[in-house]
Amino acid sequence: QVQLVESGGGSVRAGGSLRLSCKASGYIVSGSCMAWFRQRPGRGRERVAIMDGRGIIDYANAVKGRVTITKDNFENILYLKMNNLEPADTAMYSCAAVDGRTCTTGFDYWGQGTQVTVSS
């Protein structure tokens, strides 16, 4: 059974930093397509960052230059480091995973999410 468990969210002031973690069990992070999504209050879910099985990365324009997606293949964890946070980054952040290397299909697994709140 695949489980994705996020952690690392919290309340920070604008300009602060957080590192979100997504611990996977029953799933191998290395060589797989994984992503971070967020859902801001009153808005639909949006993709923040994605890494395919070859390590190719893409970021949403709204966060480009401020966030970094990485994997720890030994610990089987996906990370999202976020710097210079803005109130507009306030959202529930979730990780998602594809059962494979490519990101061309939909995501098969989702975590429950971790809340990030940024105050001005």
Protein backbone atom coordinates (compact mmCIF):
# COMPACT_ATOMS: atom_id res chain seq x y z
CA GLN A 1 0.00 0.00 0.00
CA VAL A 2 1.41 3.35 -1.05
CA GLN A 3 1.45 6.16 1.48
CA LEU A 4 2.69 9.70 1.05
CA VAL A 5 2.97 11.68 4.27
CA GLU A 6 3.78 15.38 4.18
CA SER A 7 5.29 17.42 6.97
CA GLY A 8 7.13 20.68 7.48
CA GLY A 9 4.31 23.14 7.06
CA GLY A 10 3.65 25.91 9.54
CA SER A 11 3.13 29.61 10.08
CA VAL A 12 5.84 32.02 9.01
CA ARG A 13 6.18 35.70 8.28
CA ALA A 14 6.64 37.01 4.78
CA GLY A 15 10.23 36.56 3.66
CA GLY A 16 10.65 33.41 5.71
CA SER A 17 11.48 29.89 4.58
CA LEU A 18 10.10 26.41 5.01
CA ARG A 19 11.11 22.97 3.83
CA LEU A 20 8.28 20.57 3.17
CA SER A 21 8.85 16.83 3.23
CA CYS A 22 6.91 14.01 1.61
CA LYS A 23 7.88 10.64 3.03
CA ALA A 24 6.91 7.76 0.77
CA SER A 25 6.24 4.19 1.81
CA GLY A 26 5.32 1.36 -0.52
CA TYR A 27 6.67 3.54 -3.33
CA ILE A 28 10.15 4.22 -4.67
CA VAL A 29 10.90 7.90 -5.03
CA SER A 30 14.01 7.37 -7.13
CA GLY A 31 13.30 7.35 -10.84
CA SER A 32 9.63 8.24 -10.45
CA CYS A 33 7.55 11.26 -11.42
CA MET A 34 6.52 13.24 -8.36
CA ALA A 35 5.17 16.71 -7.76
CA TRP A 36 4.03 19.27 -5.23
CA PHE A 37 0.62 20.86 -5.53
CA ARG A 38 -1.11 23.52 -3.48
CA GLN A 39 -4.64 24.68 -2.93
CA ARG A 40 -5.04 28.25 -1.84
CA PRO A 41 -8.20 29.46 -0.10
CA GLY A 42 -11.03 29.83 -2.59
CA ARG A 43 -8.96 28.52 -5.51
CA GLY A 44 -8.47 25.29 -7.35
CA ARG A 45 -5.48 23.02 -6.94
CA GLU A 46 -2.38 24.16 -8.80
CA ARG A 47 0.90 22.45 -9.48
CA VAL A 48 3.88 24.09 -7.82
CA ALA A 49 6.80 21.91 -8.88
CA ILE A 50 7.33 18.63 -10.67
CA MET A 51 10.26 16.28 -11.16
CA ASP A 52 10.11 13.38 -13.59
CA GLY A 53 11.97 10.10 -13.34
CA ARG A 54 14.98 11.50 -15.18
CA GLY A 55 15.26 14.46 -12.84
CA ILE A 56 13.76 16.98 -15.24
CA ILE A 57 12.14 19.76 -13.19
CA ASP A 58 9.54 22.39 -13.85
CA TYR A 59 8.21 25.12 -11.59
CA ALA A 60 5.08 27.24 -11.69
CA ASN A 61 5.80 30.82 -12.70
CA ALA A 62 4.41 32.11 -9.42
CA VAL A 63 7.13 30.36 -7.42
CA LYS A 64 10.02 30.15 -9.88
CA GLY A 65 13.24 31.30 -8.28
CA ARG A 66 11.86 30.87 -4.78
CA VAL A 67 11.32 27.12 -4.48
CA THR A 68 13.43 24.03 -5.09
CA ILE A 69 12.19 20.48 -5.48
CA THR A 70 14.58 17.69 -4.57
CA LYS A 71 14.58 14.00 -3.73
CA ASP A 72 16.50 12.05 -1.11
CA ASN A 73 16.58 8.65 -2.74
CA PHE A 74 18.16 6.98 0.28
CA GLU A 75 15.51 8.23 2.72
CA ASN A 76 12.78 7.96 0.05
CA ILE A 77 11.61 11.54 0.60
CA LEU A 78 10.54 14.30 -1.75
CA TYR A 79 11.30 17.84 -0.56
CA LEU A 80 10.12 21.32 -1.42
CA LYS A 81 12.31 24.11 -0.11
CA MET A 82 10.52 27.44 -0.19
CA ASN A 83 12.30 30.75 0.34
CA ASN A 84 11.14 34.34 0.45
CA LEU A 85 7.60 33.25 1.20
CA GLU A 86 4.73 35.60 0.44
CA PRO A 87 1.20 35.78 1.89
CA ALA A 88 -0.01 34.55 -1.52
CA ASP A 89 1.80 31.27 -0.83
CA THR A 90 -0.64 30.46 1.96
CA ALA A 91 -2.14 27.11 1.00
CA MET A 92 -2.45 23.43 1.73
CA TYR A 93 0.53 21.76 0.07
CA SER A 94 0.30 18.16 -1.07
CA CYS A 95 2.67 15.81 -2.78
CA ALA A 96 1.63 13.47 -5.55
CA ALA A 97 3.24 10.55 -7.33
CA VAL A 98 2.89 8.70 -10.59
CA ASP A 99 3.26 4.96 -10.89
CA GLY A 100 6.14 5.34 -13.34
CA ARG A 101 8.95 7.53 -14.65
CA THR A 102 7.07 9.87 -16.92
CA CYS A 103 4.68 12.61 -15.99
CA THR A 104 2.39 12.25 -18.97
CA THR A 105 -0.35 10.43 -17.11
CA GLY A 106 -2.35 11.52 -14.12
CA PHE A 107 -1.10 11.18 -10.59
CA ASP A 108 -1.86 7.87 -8.92
CA TYR A 109 -1.11 8.69 -5.30
CA TRP A 110 -1.70 11.74 -3.11
CA GLY A 111 -0.74 12.77 0.36
CA GLN A 112 -3.05 14.41 2.88
CA GLY A 113 -1.24 17.72 2.78
CA THR A 114 0.53 20.11 5.09
CA GLN A 115 -0.67 23.66 5.75
CA VAL A 116 1.53 26.66 5.04
CA THR A 117 0.42 30.04 6.34
CA VAL A 118 2.38 33.18 5.55
CA SER A 119 1.58 36.41 7.34
CA SER A 120 2.57 39.88 6.19
